[in-house]
Amino acid sequence: MRSMKAGEILLLLADDAGVAVDIPAWCISTSNEFLGLLKEPRMYRVYVRKL
């Protein structure tokens, strides 16, 4: 995230269901925008926009 520019979107791939709670909370604490989460059979795709 440090090297990203404002407005860029990060795709995070995870296999831990905890991302559904952890990433939105992290976005609030870091002033980034949680765009959503897609659950797939073996992983989660999480989208975050750097503000």
N, C-alpha and C. Protein backbone atom coordinates (compact mmCIF):
# COMPACT_ATOMS: atom_id res chain seq x y z
N MET A 1 0.82 -1.18 0.00
CA MET A 1 0.00 0.00 0.00
C MET A 1 0.87 1.26 0.00
N ARG A 2 2.01 1.21 0.64
CA ARG A 2 2.85 2.42 0.71
C ARG A 2 3.27 2.92 -0.66
N SER A 3 3.53 2.01 -1.57
CA SER A 3 4.01 2.43 -2.88
C SER A 3 2.86 2.74 -3.85
N MET A 4 1.64 2.49 -3.44
CA MET A 4 0.49 2.74 -4.30
C MET A 4 0.11 4.22 -4.29
N LYS A 5 -0.48 4.66 -5.38
CA LYS A 5 -0.95 6.04 -5.48
C LYS A 5 -2.44 6.10 -5.11
N ALA A 6 -2.87 7.25 -4.66
CA ALA A 6 -4.28 7.43 -4.31
C ALA A 6 -5.16 7.08 -5.50
N GLY A 7 -6.21 6.32 -5.23
CA GLY A 7 -7.13 5.91 -6.27
C GLY A 7 -6.86 4.53 -6.83
N GLU A 8 -5.65 4.02 -6.62
CA GLU A 8 -5.34 2.67 -7.10
C GLU A 8 -6.06 1.64 -6.25
N ILE A 9 -6.34 0.48 -6.86
CA ILE A 9 -7.08 -0.57 -6.17
C ILE A 9 -6.17 -1.77 -5.94
N LEU A 10 -6.20 -2.25 -4.72
CA LEU A 10 -5.43 -3.43 -4.31
C LEU A 10 -6.35 -4.64 -4.34
N LEU A 11 -5.89 -5.72 -4.94
CA LEU A 11 -6.57 -7.01 -4.88
C LEU A 11 -5.79 -7.88 -3.91
N LEU A 12 -6.44 -8.29 -2.84
CA LEU A 12 -5.82 -9.14 -1.84
C LEU A 12 -6.45 -10.52 -1.95
N LEU A 13 -5.62 -11.54 -2.08
CA LEU A 13 -6.08 -12.92 -2.12
C LEU A 13 -5.77 -13.56 -0.77
N ALA A 14 -6.77 -14.21 -0.18
CA ALA A 14 -6.58 -14.80 1.14
C ALA A 14 -7.35 -16.11 1.25
N ASP A 15 -6.87 -16.98 2.12
CA ASP A 15 -7.57 -18.24 2.37
C ASP A 15 -8.12 -18.29 3.80
N ASP A 16 -8.07 -17.20 4.50
CA ASP A 16 -8.54 -17.10 5.88
C ASP A 16 -9.83 -16.30 5.93
N ALA A 17 -10.89 -16.89 6.45
CA ALA A 17 -12.19 -16.23 6.52
C ALA A 17 -12.15 -14.95 7.36
N GLY A 18 -11.12 -14.79 8.18
CA GLY A 18 -10.99 -13.60 9.02
C GLY A 18 -10.87 -12.31 8.23
N VAL A 19 -10.52 -12.39 6.96
CA VAL A 19 -10.40 -11.17 6.16
C VAL A 19 -11.73 -10.43 6.05
N ALA A 20 -12.84 -11.16 6.18
CA ALA A 20 -14.16 -10.54 6.07
C ALA A 20 -14.40 -9.52 7.17
N VAL A 21 -13.74 -9.68 8.29
CA VAL A 21 -13.84 -8.73 9.41
C VAL A 21 -12.60 -7.85 9.50
N ASP A 22 -11.45 -8.47 9.34
CA ASP A 22 -10.18 -7.75 9.54
C ASP A 22 -9.93 -6.64 8.53
N ILE A 23 -10.17 -6.90 7.25
CA ILE A 23 -9.85 -5.91 6.24
C ILE A 23 -10.77 -4.69 6.31
N PRO A 24 -12.08 -4.84 6.46
CA PRO A 24 -12.90 -3.63 6.63
C PRO A 24 -12.49 -2.80 7.85
N ALA A 25 -12.15 -3.47 8.94
CA ALA A 25 -11.70 -2.75 10.14
C ALA A 25 -10.37 -2.04 9.87
N TRP A 26 -9.47 -2.70 9.17
CA TRP A 26 -8.17 -2.10 8.83
C TRP A 26 -8.38 -0.88 7.95
N CYS A 27 -9.31 -0.99 6.99
CA CYS A 27 -9.59 0.15 6.11
C CYS A 27 -10.07 1.37 6.90
N ILE A 28 -10.91 1.13 7.87
CA ILE A 28 -11.39 2.25 8.70
C ILE A 28 -10.22 2.87 9.45
N SER A 29 -9.37 2.05 10.03
CA SER A 29 -8.27 2.58 10.85
C SER A 29 -7.17 3.25 10.02
N THR A 30 -7.09 2.93 8.73
CA THR A 30 -6.04 3.50 7.88
C THR A 30 -6.59 4.49 6.85
N SER A 31 -7.88 4.77 6.90
CA SER A 31 -8.53 5.70 5.98
C SER A 31 -8.41 5.26 4.52
N ASN A 32 -8.59 3.98 4.29
CA ASN A 32 -8.69 3.45 2.94
C ASN A 32 -10.11 2.98 2.72
N GLU A 33 -10.47 2.72 1.47
CA GLU A 33 -11.86 2.36 1.15
C GLU A 33 -12.00 0.87 0.86
N PHE A 34 -12.79 0.19 1.67
CA PHE A 34 -13.10 -1.21 1.44
C PHE A 34 -14.13 -1.28 0.33
N LEU A 35 -13.79 -1.93 -0.78
CA LEU A 35 -14.69 -2.00 -1.92
C LEU A 35 -15.54 -3.26 -1.95
N GLY A 36 -15.07 -4.30 -1.32
CA GLY A 36 -15.86 -5.51 -1.28
C GLY A 36 -15.02 -6.76 -1.21
N LEU A 37 -15.74 -7.87 -1.08
CA LEU A 37 -15.12 -9.17 -0.91
C LEU A 37 -15.90 -10.19 -1.73
N LEU A 38 -15.20 -11.02 -2.46
CA LEU A 38 -15.82 -12.12 -3.19
C LEU A 38 -15.31 -13.43 -2.61
N LYS A 39 -16.23 -14.30 -2.21
CA LYS A 39 -15.84 -15.60 -1.68
C LYS A 39 -15.86 -16.61 -2.82
N GLU A 40 -14.75 -17.28 -2.99
CA GLU A 40 -14.62 -18.33 -3.99
C GLU A 40 -14.41 -19.65 -3.26
N PRO A 41 -14.46 -20.76 -3.95
CA PRO A 41 -14.35 -22.06 -3.26
C PRO A 41 -13.11 -22.20 -2.36
N ARG A 42 -11.99 -21.70 -2.80
CA ARG A 42 -10.76 -21.89 -2.01
C ARG A 42 -10.10 -20.61 -1.53
N MET A 43 -10.70 -19.47 -1.85
CA MET A 43 -10.06 -18.21 -1.44
C MET A 43 -11.07 -17.08 -1.41
N TYR A 44 -10.61 -15.98 -0.86
CA TYR A 44 -11.37 -14.73 -0.84
C TYR A 44 -10.61 -13.71 -1.68
N ARG A 45 -11.35 -12.94 -2.44
CA ARG A 45 -10.77 -11.81 -3.17
C ARG A 45 -11.30 -10.55 -2.50
N VAL A 46 -10.39 -9.73 -2.02
CA VAL A 46 -10.75 -8.52 -1.29
C VAL A 46 -10.22 -7.33 -2.07
N TYR A 47 -11.06 -6.32 -2.23
CA TYR A 47 -10.69 -5.13 -3.00
C TYR A 47 -10.67 -3.91 -2.08
N VAL A 48 -9.56 -3.17 -2.16
CA VAL A 48 -9.36 -1.99 -1.32
C VAL A 48 -8.82 -0.87 -2.20
N ARG A 49 -9.43 0.32 -2.08
CA ARG A 49 -8.94 1.49 -2.81
C ARG A 49 -8.12 2.35 -1.87
N LYS A 50 -6.92 2.70 -2.32
CA LYS A 50 -6.08 3.59 -1.52
C LYS A 50 -6.61 5.01 -1.66
N LEU A 51 -6.82 5.66 -0.53
CA LEU A 51 -7.30 7.04 -0.53
C LEU A 51 -6.18 8.00 -0.18
